[in-house]
Amino acid sequence: MAHTLVSIQIIPRPPQGENVIPFVDRAIEIIQAAGVRYRVGPLETTMEGELPELLKIIQEMNEEMVRLGCQSIISQVKIYHNPTGASMSELTKKYD
């Protein structure tokens, strides 16, 4: 069982002031390619895994935004860590 949940809201500032949605979609593709469990929400995406692995994914997302020419990036991150285990489904089961 994973020990950490990380929610990320990435807010890139595109190079020409374009719509941010294609950039956010690219960031989500990076999460998908990483192979961790995740859930996309309307304002943030939550990932499940081990803290170093999840932080590396966030780093990759930010580096990709720079590569795409973004002038700046805000990454709002929430971390829930539990040494005995953490899962999205366990925390939300009464609402699902």
PDB file of N, CA and C in Angstrom:
ATOM      1  N   MET A   1       0.845  -1.186   0.000  1.00  0.00           N
ATOM      2  CA  MET A   1       0.000   0.000   0.000  1.00  0.00           C
ATOM      3  C   MET A   1       0.888   1.246   0.000  1.00  0.00           C
ATOM      4  N   ALA A   2       0.446   2.233  -0.729  1.00  0.00           N
ATOM      5  CA  ALA A   2       1.161   3.510  -0.781  1.00  0.00           C
ATOM      6  C   ALA A   2       1.100   4.200   0.573  1.00  0.00           C
ATOM      7  N   HIS A   3       2.012   5.109   0.776  1.00  0.00           N
ATOM      8  CA  HIS A   3       2.060   5.846   2.036  1.00  0.00           C
ATOM      9  C   HIS A   3       1.732   7.325   1.891  1.00  0.00           C
ATOM     10  N   THR A   4       1.615   7.807   0.658  1.00  0.00           N
ATOM     11  CA  THR A   4       1.456   9.241   0.455  1.00  0.00           C
ATOM     12  C   THR A   4       0.437   9.549  -0.631  1.00  0.00           C
ATOM     13  N   LEU A   5      -0.354  10.584  -0.380  1.00  0.00           N
ATOM     14  CA  LEU A   5      -1.216  11.193  -1.389  1.00  0.00           C
ATOM     15  C   LEU A   5      -0.688  12.597  -1.621  1.00  0.00           C
ATOM     16  N   VAL A   6      -0.575  12.983  -2.880  1.00  0.00           N
ATOM     17  CA  VAL A   6      -0.153  14.336  -3.225  1.00  0.00           C
ATOM     18  C   VAL A   6      -1.160  14.895  -4.220  1.00  0.00           C
ATOM     19  N   SER A   7      -1.713  16.041  -3.889  1.00  0.00           N
ATOM     20  CA  SER A   7      -2.580  16.748  -4.829  1.00  0.00           C
ATOM     21  C   SER A   7      -1.799  17.903  -5.414  1.00  0.00           C
ATOM     22  N   ILE A   8      -1.917  18.071  -6.724  1.00  0.00           N
ATOM     23  CA  ILE A   8      -1.192  19.120  -7.422  1.00  0.00           C
ATOM     24  C   ILE A   8      -2.166  19.916  -8.292  1.00  0.00           C
ATOM     25  N   GLN A   9      -2.088  21.215  -8.169  1.00  0.00           N
ATOM     26  CA  GLN A   9      -2.753  22.120  -9.100  1.00  0.00           C
ATOM     27  C   GLN A   9      -1.636  22.916  -9.762  1.00  0.00           C
ATOM     28  N   ILE A  10      -1.450  22.689 -11.045  1.00  0.00           N
ATOM     29  CA  ILE A  10      -0.395  23.390 -11.764  1.00  0.00           C
ATOM     30  C   ILE A  10      -1.034  24.527 -12.566  1.00  0.00           C
ATOM     31  N   ILE A  11      -0.451  25.703 -12.420  1.00  0.00           N
ATOM     32  CA  ILE A  11      -0.971  26.893 -13.092  1.00  0.00           C
ATOM     33  C   ILE A  11       0.166  27.498 -13.912  1.00  0.00           C
ATOM     34  N   PRO A  12       0.283  27.063 -15.167  1.00  0.00           N
ATOM     35  CA  PRO A  12       1.349  27.599 -16.005  1.00  0.00           C
ATOM     36  C   PRO A  12       0.953  28.944 -16.612  1.00  0.00           C
ATOM     37  N   ARG A  13       1.954  29.737 -16.907  1.00  0.00           N
ATOM     38  CA  ARG A  13       1.736  30.998 -17.631  1.00  0.00           C
ATOM     39  C   ARG A  13       2.308  30.788 -19.038  1.00  0.00           C
ATOM     40  N   PRO A  14       1.440  30.447 -19.992  1.00  0.00           N
ATOM     41  CA  PRO A  14       1.897  30.110 -21.338  1.00  0.00           C
ATOM     42  C   PRO A  14       2.675  31.251 -22.001  1.00  0.00           C
ATOM     43  N   PRO A  15       3.540  30.884 -22.950  1.00  0.00           N
ATOM     44  CA  PRO A  15       4.445  31.869 -23.550  1.00  0.00           C
ATOM     45  C   PRO A  15       3.740  33.016 -24.273  1.00  0.00           C
ATOM     46  N   GLN A  16       2.649  32.745 -24.947  1.00  0.00           N
ATOM     47  CA  GLN A  16       1.960  33.783 -25.714  1.00  0.00           C
ATOM     48  C   GLN A  16       0.593  34.110 -25.112  1.00  0.00           C
ATOM     49  N   GLY A  17       0.395  33.783 -23.853  1.00  0.00           N
ATOM     50  CA  GLY A  17      -0.885  34.046 -23.206  1.00  0.00           C
ATOM     51  C   GLY A  17      -2.000  33.137 -23.683  1.00  0.00           C
ATOM     52  N   GLU A  18      -1.634  31.983 -24.267  1.00  0.00           N
ATOM     53  CA  GLU A  18      -2.636  31.037 -24.735  1.00  0.00           C
ATOM     54  C   GLU A  18      -3.458  30.473 -23.580  1.00  0.00           C
ATOM     55  N   ASN A  19      -4.469  29.729 -23.969  1.00  0.00           N
ATOM     56  CA  ASN A  19      -5.291  28.988 -23.021  1.00  0.00           C
ATOM     57  C   ASN A  19      -4.390  28.012 -22.259  1.00  0.00           C
ATOM     58  N   VAL A  20      -4.555  27.929 -20.954  1.00  0.00           N
ATOM     59  CA  VAL A  20      -3.703  27.039 -20.147  1.00  0.00           C
ATOM     60  C   VAL A  20      -4.107  25.571 -20.233  1.00  0.00           C
ATOM     61  N   ILE A  21      -5.308  25.278 -20.684  1.00  0.00           N
ATOM     62  CA  ILE A  21      -5.806  23.902 -20.652  1.00  0.00           C
ATOM     63  C   ILE A  21      -4.900  22.924 -21.395  1.00  0.00           C
ATOM     64  N   PRO A  22      -4.409  23.208 -22.603  1.00  0.00           N
ATOM     65  CA  PRO A  22      -3.506  22.256 -23.242  1.00  0.00           C
ATOM     66  C   PRO A  22      -2.222  22.005 -22.425  1.00  0.00           C
ATOM     67  N   PHE A  23      -1.767  23.002 -21.695  1.00  0.00           N
ATOM     68  CA  PHE A  23      -0.581  22.842 -20.857  1.00  0.00           C
ATOM     69  C   PHE A  23      -0.908  21.962 -19.647  1.00  0.00           C
ATOM     70  N   VAL A  24      -2.070  22.177 -19.042  1.00  0.00           N
ATOM     71  CA  VAL A  24      -2.504  21.336 -17.927  1.00  0.00           C
ATOM     72  C   VAL A  24      -2.714  19.902 -18.415  1.00  0.00           C
ATOM     73  N   ASP A  25      -3.287  19.744 -19.603  1.00  0.00           N
ATOM     74  CA  ASP A  25      -3.453  18.401 -20.169  1.00  0.00           C
ATOM     75  C   ASP A  25      -2.105  17.712 -20.321  1.00  0.00           C
ATOM     76  N   ARG A  26      -1.089  18.437 -20.744  1.00  0.00           N
ATOM     77  CA  ARG A  26       0.256  17.863 -20.885  1.00  0.00           C
ATOM     78  C   ARG A  26       0.805  17.440 -19.528  1.00  0.00           C
ATOM     79  N   ALA A  27       0.555  18.252 -18.503  1.00  0.00           N
ATOM     80  CA  ALA A  27       0.999  17.900 -17.153  1.00  0.00           C
ATOM     81  C   ALA A  27       0.322  16.607 -16.684  1.00  0.00           C
ATOM     82  N   ILE A  28      -0.949  16.449 -16.989  1.00  0.00           N
ATOM     83  CA  ILE A  28      -1.666  15.229 -16.608  1.00  0.00           C
ATOM     84  C   ILE A  28      -1.124  14.028 -17.375  1.00  0.00           C
ATOM     85  N   GLU A  29      -0.727  14.237 -18.632  1.00  0.00           N
ATOM     86  CA  GLU A  29      -0.106  13.153 -19.399  1.00  0.00           C
ATOM     87  C   GLU A  29       1.169  12.649 -18.718  1.00  0.00           C
ATOM     88  N   ILE A  30       1.898  13.540 -18.087  1.00  0.00           N
ATOM     89  CA  ILE A  30       3.114  13.141 -17.370  1.00  0.00           C
ATOM     90  C   ILE A  30       2.757  12.251 -16.188  1.00  0.00           C
ATOM     91  N   ILE A  31       1.693  12.596 -15.491  1.00  0.00           N
ATOM     92  CA  ILE A  31       1.218  11.754 -14.382  1.00  0.00           C
ATOM     93  C   ILE A  31       0.811  10.384 -14.916  1.00  0.00           C
ATOM     94  N   GLN A  32       0.048  10.370 -16.016  1.00  0.00           N
ATOM     95  CA  GLN A  32      -0.399   9.102 -16.607  1.00  0.00           C
ATOM     96  C   GLN A  32       0.793   8.224 -16.981  1.00  0.00           C
ATOM     97  N   ALA A  33       1.797   8.817 -17.591  1.00  0.00           N
ATOM     98  CA  ALA A  33       2.975   8.068 -18.035  1.00  0.00           C
ATOM     99  C   ALA A  33       3.783   7.516 -16.869  1.00  0.00           C
ATOM    100  N   ALA A  34       3.669   8.157 -15.704  1.00  0.00           N
ATOM    101  CA  ALA A  34       4.423   7.714 -14.529  1.00  0.00           C
ATOM    102  C   ALA A  34       3.889   6.403 -13.966  1.00  0.00           C
ATOM    103  N   GLY A  35       2.649   6.081 -14.273  1.00  0.00           N
ATOM    104  CA  GLY A  35       2.094   4.803 -13.837  1.00  0.00           C
ATOM    105  C   GLY A  35       1.588   4.752 -12.404  1.00  0.00           C
ATOM    106  N   VAL A  36       1.443   5.894 -11.743  1.00  0.00           N
ATOM    107  CA  VAL A  36       0.904   5.913 -10.383  1.00  0.00           C
ATOM    108  C   VAL A  36      -0.621   5.994 -10.456  1.00  0.00           C
ATOM    109  N   ARG A  37      -1.273   5.597  -9.375  1.00  0.00           N
ATOM    110  CA  ARG A  37      -2.724   5.797  -9.291  1.00  0.00           C
ATOM    111  C   ARG A  37      -2.961   7.291  -9.170  1.00  0.00           C
ATOM    112  N   TYR A  38      -3.988   7.773  -9.849  1.00  0.00           N
ATOM    113  CA  TYR A  38      -4.297   9.196  -9.788  1.00  0.00           C
ATOM    114  C   TYR A  38      -5.778   9.406 -10.044  1.00  0.00           C
ATOM    115  N   ARG A  39      -6.248  10.558  -9.662  1.00  0.00           N
ATOM    116  CA  ARG A  39      -7.629  10.961  -9.917  1.00  0.00           C
ATOM    117  C   ARG A  39      -7.624  12.438 -10.280  1.00  0.00           C
ATOM    118  N   VAL A  40      -8.148  12.746 -11.459  1.00  0.00           N
ATOM    119  CA  VAL A  40      -8.248  14.128 -11.904  1.00  0.00           C
ATOM    120  C   VAL A  40      -9.537  14.715 -11.345  1.00  0.00           C
ATOM    121  N   GLY A  41      -9.408  15.856 -10.678  1.00  0.00           N
ATOM    122  CA  GLY A  41     -10.559  16.593 -10.182  1.00  0.00           C
ATOM    123  C   GLY A  41     -10.699  17.892 -10.963  1.00  0.00           C
ATOM    124  N   PRO A  42     -11.725  18.659 -10.676  1.00  0.00           N
ATOM    125  CA  PRO A  42     -11.938  19.888 -11.429  1.00  0.00           C
ATOM    126  C   PRO A  42     -10.881  20.961 -11.177  1.00  0.00           C
ATOM    127  N   LEU A  43     -10.221  20.931 -10.026  1.00  0.00           N
ATOM    128  CA  LEU A  43      -9.245  21.965  -9.698  1.00  0.00           C
ATOM    129  C   LEU A  43      -7.854  21.437  -9.398  1.00  0.00           C
ATOM    130  N   GLU A  44      -7.718  20.120  -9.233  1.00  0.00           N
ATOM    131  CA  GLU A  44      -6.420  19.534  -8.915  1.00  0.00           C
ATOM    132  C   GLU A  44      -6.453  18.050  -9.236  1.00  0.00           C
ATOM    133  N   THR A  45      -5.274  17.473  -9.313  1.00  0.00           N
ATOM    134  CA  THR A  45      -5.144  16.032  -9.542  1.00  0.00           C
ATOM    135  C   THR A  45      -4.440  15.432  -8.340  1.00  0.00           C
ATOM    136  N   THR A  46      -4.982  14.318  -7.842  1.00  0.00           N
ATOM    137  CA  THR A  46      -4.393  13.644  -6.691  1.00  0.00           C
ATOM    138  C   THR A  46      -3.708  12.365  -7.162  1.00  0.00           C
ATOM    139  N   MET A  47      -2.492  12.175  -6.664  1.00  0.00           N
ATOM    140  CA  MET A  47      -1.699  10.984  -6.986  1.00  0.00           C
ATOM    141  C   MET A  47      -1.472  10.185  -5.704  1.00  0.00           C
ATOM    142  N   GLU A  48      -1.274   8.885  -5.886  1.00  0.00           N
ATOM    143  CA  GLU A  48      -1.047   7.975  -4.767  1.00  0.00           C
ATOM    144  C   GLU A  48       0.262   7.244  -5.020  1.00  0.00           C
ATOM    145  N   GLY A  49       1.148   7.232  -4.020  1.00  0.00           N
ATOM    146  CA  GLY A  49       2.417   6.537  -4.182  1.00  0.00           C
ATOM    147  C   GLY A  49       3.345   6.820  -3.026  1.00  0.00           C
ATOM    148  N   GLU A  50       4.621   6.848  -3.332  1.00  0.00           N
ATOM    149  CA  GLU A  50       5.637   7.152  -2.326  1.00  0.00           C
ATOM    150  C   GLU A  50       6.120   8.585  -2.552  1.00  0.00           C
ATOM    151  N   LEU A  51       6.377   9.294  -1.467  1.00  0.00           N
ATOM    152  CA  LEU A  51       6.673  10.718  -1.535  1.00  0.00           C
ATOM    153  C   LEU A  51       7.780  11.070  -2.529  1.00  0.00           C
ATOM    154  N   PRO A  52       8.953  10.414  -2.510  1.00  0.00           N
ATOM    155  CA  PRO A  52       9.999  10.800  -3.464  1.00  0.00           C
ATOM    156  C   PRO A  52       9.552  10.647  -4.924  1.00  0.00           C
ATOM    157  N   GLU A  53       8.823   9.575  -5.195  1.00  0.00           N
ATOM    158  CA  GLU A  53       8.318   9.314  -6.545  1.00  0.00           C
ATOM    159  C   GLU A  53       7.336  10.407  -6.985  1.00  0.00           C
ATOM    160  N   LEU A  54       6.444  10.798  -6.093  1.00  0.00           N
ATOM    161  CA  LEU A  54       5.432  11.799  -6.431  1.00  0.00           C
ATOM    162  C   LEU A  54       6.052  13.181  -6.604  1.00  0.00           C
ATOM    163  N   LEU A  55       7.026  13.507  -5.767  1.00  0.00           N
ATOM    164  CA  LEU A  55       7.708  14.789  -5.913  1.00  0.00           C
ATOM    165  C   LEU A  55       8.503  14.842  -7.214  1.00  0.00           C
ATOM    166  N   LYS A  56       9.038  13.716  -7.638  1.00  0.00           N
ATOM    167  CA  LYS A  56       9.760  13.651  -8.912  1.00  0.00           C
ATOM    168  C   LYS A  56       8.806  13.930 -10.075  1.00  0.00           C
ATOM    169  N   ILE A  57       7.596  13.416  -9.992  1.00  0.00           N
ATOM    170  CA  ILE A  57       6.592  13.667 -11.033  1.00  0.00           C
ATOM    171  C   ILE A  57       6.274  15.165 -11.103  1.00  0.00           C
ATOM    172  N   ILE A  58       6.127  15.802  -9.949  1.00  0.00           N
ATOM    173  CA  ILE A  58       5.862  17.244  -9.924  1.00  0.00           C
ATOM    174  C   ILE A  58       7.030  18.006 -10.539  1.00  0.00           C
ATOM    175  N   GLN A  59       8.237  17.578 -10.239  1.00  0.00           N
ATOM    176  CA  GLN A  59       9.410  18.205 -10.841  1.00  0.00           C
ATOM    177  C   GLN A  59       9.366  18.062 -12.363  1.00  0.00           C
ATOM    178  N   GLU A  60       9.038  16.873 -12.849  1.00  0.00           N
ATOM    179  CA  GLU A  60       8.953  16.635 -14.290  1.00  0.00           C
ATOM    180  C   GLU A  60       7.878  17.509 -14.935  1.00  0.00           C
ATOM    181  N   MET A  61       6.753  17.677 -14.242  1.00  0.00           N
ATOM    182  CA  MET A  61       5.682  18.523 -14.769  1.00  0.00           C
ATOM    183  C   MET A  61       6.171  19.962 -14.935  1.00  0.00           C
ATOM    184  N   ASN A  62       6.836  20.475 -13.923  1.00  0.00           N
ATOM    185  CA  ASN A  62       7.342  21.848 -13.980  1.00  0.00           C
ATOM    186  C   ASN A  62       8.414  22.006 -15.061  1.00  0.00           C
ATOM    187  N   GLU A  63       9.302  21.028 -15.170  1.00  0.00           N
ATOM    188  CA  GLU A  63      10.340  21.086 -16.202  1.00  0.00           C
ATOM    189  C   GLU A  63       9.732  21.064 -17.602  1.00  0.00           C
ATOM    190  N   GLU A  64       8.663  20.309 -17.787  1.00  0.00           N
ATOM    191  CA  GLU A  64       7.989  20.255 -19.082  1.00  0.00           C
ATOM    192  C   GLU A  64       7.339  21.604 -19.416  1.00  0.00           C
ATOM    193  N   MET A  65       6.759  22.254 -18.413  1.00  0.00           N
ATOM    194  CA  MET A  65       6.164  23.567 -18.660  1.00  0.00           C
ATOM    195  C   MET A  65       7.239  24.568 -19.110  1.00  0.00           C
ATOM    196  N   VAL A  66       8.411  24.494 -18.510  1.00  0.00           N
ATOM    197  CA  VAL A  66       9.529  25.353 -18.916  1.00  0.00           C
ATOM    198  C   VAL A  66       9.933  25.014 -20.349  1.00  0.00           C
ATOM    199  N   ARG A  67      10.036  23.721 -20.640  1.00  0.00           N
ATOM    200  CA  ARG A  67      10.409  23.284 -21.984  1.00  0.00           C
ATOM    201  C   ARG A  67       9.411  23.787 -23.029  1.00  0.00           C
ATOM    202  N   LEU A  68       8.132  23.858 -22.639  1.00  0.00           N
ATOM    203  CA  LEU A  68       7.092  24.341 -23.544  1.00  0.00           C
ATOM    204  C   LEU A  68       7.058  25.863 -23.649  1.00  0.00           C
ATOM    205  N   GLY A  69       7.932  26.525 -22.902  1.00  0.00           N
ATOM    206  CA  GLY A  69       8.060  27.975 -23.022  1.00  0.00           C
ATOM    207  C   GLY A  69       7.263  28.799 -22.040  1.00  0.00           C
ATOM    208  N   CYS A  70       6.705  28.171 -21.014  1.00  0.00           N
ATOM    209  CA  CYS A  70       5.934  28.940 -20.035  1.00  0.00           C
ATOM    210  C   CYS A  70       6.839  29.949 -19.332  1.00  0.00           C
ATOM    211  N   GLN A  71       6.303  31.136 -19.127  1.00  0.00           N
ATOM    212  CA  GLN A  71       7.053  32.208 -18.488  1.00  0.00           C
ATOM    213  C   GLN A  71       7.229  31.962 -16.996  1.00  0.00           C
ATOM    214  N   SER A  72       6.255  31.302 -16.403  1.00  0.00           N
ATOM    215  CA  SER A  72       6.329  30.936 -14.989  1.00  0.00           C
ATOM    216  C   SER A  72       5.303  29.839 -14.728  1.00  0.00           C
ATOM    217  N   ILE A  73       5.458  29.183 -13.589  1.00  0.00           N
ATOM    218  CA  ILE A  73       4.553  28.105 -13.200  1.00  0.00           C
ATOM    219  C   ILE A  73       4.300  28.202 -11.706  1.00  0.00           C
ATOM    220  N   ILE A  74       3.040  28.130 -11.327  1.00  0.00           N
ATOM    221  CA  ILE A  74       2.685  27.994  -9.916  1.00  0.00           C
ATOM    222  C   ILE A  74       2.229  26.551  -9.722  1.00  0.00           C
ATOM    223  N   SER A  75       2.800  25.875  -8.748  1.00  0.00           N
ATOM    224  CA  SER A  75       2.379  24.521  -8.399  1.00  0.00           C
ATOM    225  C   SER A  75       1.898  24.540  -6.954  1.00  0.00           C
ATOM    226  N   GLN A  76       0.605  24.379  -6.794  1.00  0.00           N
ATOM    227  CA  GLN A  76       0.043  24.303  -5.444  1.00  0.00           C
ATOM    228  C   GLN A  76      -0.052  22.825  -5.078  1.00  0.00           C
ATOM    229  N   VAL A  77       0.602  22.454  -3.990  1.00  0.00           N
ATOM    230  CA  VAL A  77       0.749  21.054  -3.626  1.00  0.00           C
ATOM    231  C   VAL A  77       0.215  20.814  -2.215  1.00  0.00           C
ATOM    232  N   LYS A  78      -0.530  19.718  -2.070  1.00  0.00           N
ATOM    233  CA  LYS A  78      -0.966  19.248  -0.753  1.00  0.00           C
ATOM    234  C   LYS A  78      -0.428  17.835  -0.587  1.00  0.00           C
ATOM    235  N   ILE A  79       0.081  17.553   0.589  1.00  0.00           N
ATOM    236  CA  ILE A  79       0.653  16.229   0.849  1.00  0.00           C
ATOM    237  C   ILE A  79       0.006  15.625   2.081  1.00  0.00           C
ATOM    238  N   TYR A  80      -0.457  14.391   1.928  1.00  0.00           N
ATOM    239  CA  TYR A  80      -0.941  13.603   3.055  1.00  0.00           C
ATOM    240  C   TYR A  80      -0.053  12.374   3.125  1.00  0.00           C
ATOM    241  N   HIS A  81       0.631  12.201   4.250  1.00  0.00           N
ATOM    242  CA  HIS A  81       1.527  11.061   4.420  1.00  0.00           C
ATOM    243  C   HIS A  81       1.118  10.295   5.665  1.00  0.00           C
ATOM    244  N   ASN A  82       1.045   8.982   5.525  1.00  0.00           N
ATOM    245  CA  ASN A  82       0.687   8.129   6.655  1.00  0.00           C
ATOM    246  C   ASN A  82       1.581   6.895   6.603  1.00  0.00           C
ATOM    247  N   PRO A  83       2.449   6.716   7.612  1.00  0.00           N
ATOM    248  CA  PRO A  83       3.377   5.582   7.603  1.00  0.00           C
ATOM    249  C   PRO A  83       2.695   4.215   7.544  1.00  0.00           C
ATOM    250  N   THR A  84       1.434   4.135   7.938  1.00  0.00           N
ATOM    251  CA  THR A  84       0.730   2.850   7.891  1.00  0.00           C
ATOM    252  C   THR A  84      -0.036   2.660   6.588  1.00  0.00           C
ATOM    253  N   GLY A  85      -0.049   3.667   5.727  1.00  0.00           N
ATOM    254  CA  GLY A  85      -0.691   3.542   4.424  1.00  0.00           C
ATOM    255  C   GLY A  85      -1.690   4.643   4.160  1.00  0.00           C
ATOM    256  N   ALA A  86      -1.794   5.003   2.897  1.00  0.00           N
ATOM    257  CA  ALA A  86      -2.723   6.047   2.480  1.00  0.00           C
ATOM    258  C   ALA A  86      -3.293   5.674   1.121  1.00  0.00           C
ATOM    259  N   SER A  87      -4.599   5.833   0.975  1.00  0.00           N
ATOM    260  CA  SER A  87      -5.211   5.576  -0.334  1.00  0.00           C
ATOM    261  C   SER A  87      -6.361   6.541  -0.558  1.00  0.00           C
ATOM    262  N   MET A  88      -6.515   6.942  -1.802  1.00  0.00           N
ATOM    263  CA  MET A  88      -7.625   7.825  -2.157  1.00  0.00           C
ATOM    264  C   MET A  88      -8.951   7.140  -1.873  1.00  0.00           C
ATOM    265  N   SER A  89      -9.054   5.878  -2.259  1.00  0.00           N
ATOM    266  CA  SER A  89     -10.324   5.168  -2.092  1.00  0.00           C
ATOM    267  C   SER A  89     -10.712   5.029  -0.623  1.00  0.00           C
ATOM    268  N   GLU A  90      -9.733   4.837   0.239  1.00  0.00           N
ATOM    269  CA  GLU A  90     -10.031   4.713   1.672  1.00  0.00           C
ATOM    270  C   GLU A  90     -10.533   6.039   2.247  1.00  0.00           C
ATOM    271  N   LEU A  91      -9.909   7.127   1.835  1.00  0.00           N
ATOM    272  CA  LEU A  91     -10.302   8.436   2.364  1.00  0.00           C
ATOM    273  C   LEU A  91     -11.643   8.928   1.826  1.00  0.00           C
ATOM    274  N   THR A  92     -12.029   8.447   0.657  1.00  0.00           N
ATOM    275  CA  THR A  92     -13.264   8.951   0.043  1.00  0.00           C
ATOM    276  C   THR A  92     -14.370   7.917  -0.062  1.00  0.00           C
ATOM    277  N   LYS A  93     -14.164   6.730   0.477  1.00  0.00           N
ATOM    278  CA  LYS A  93     -15.119   5.632   0.242  1.00  0.00           C
ATOM    279  C   LYS A  93     -16.547   5.954   0.668  1.00  0.00           C
ATOM    280  N   LYS A  94     -16.742   6.725   1.701  1.00  0.00           N
ATOM    281  CA  LYS A  94     -18.119   7.024   2.116  1.00  0.00           C
ATOM    282  C   LYS A  94     -18.813   8.008   1.183  1.00  0.00           C
ATOM    283  N   TYR A  95     -18.037   8.626   0.275  1.00  0.00           N
ATOM    284  CA  TYR A  95     -18.632   9.575  -0.684  1.00  0.00           C
ATOM    285  C   TYR A  95     -18.760   8.987  -2.079  1.00  0.00           C
ATOM    286  N   ASP A  96     -18.050   7.912  -2.342  1.00  0.00           N
ATOM    287  CA  ASP A  96     -18.076   7.315  -3.692  1.00  0.00           C
ATOM    288  C   ASP A  96     -19.266   6.411  -3.891  1.00  0.00           C
TER     289      ASP A  96
END
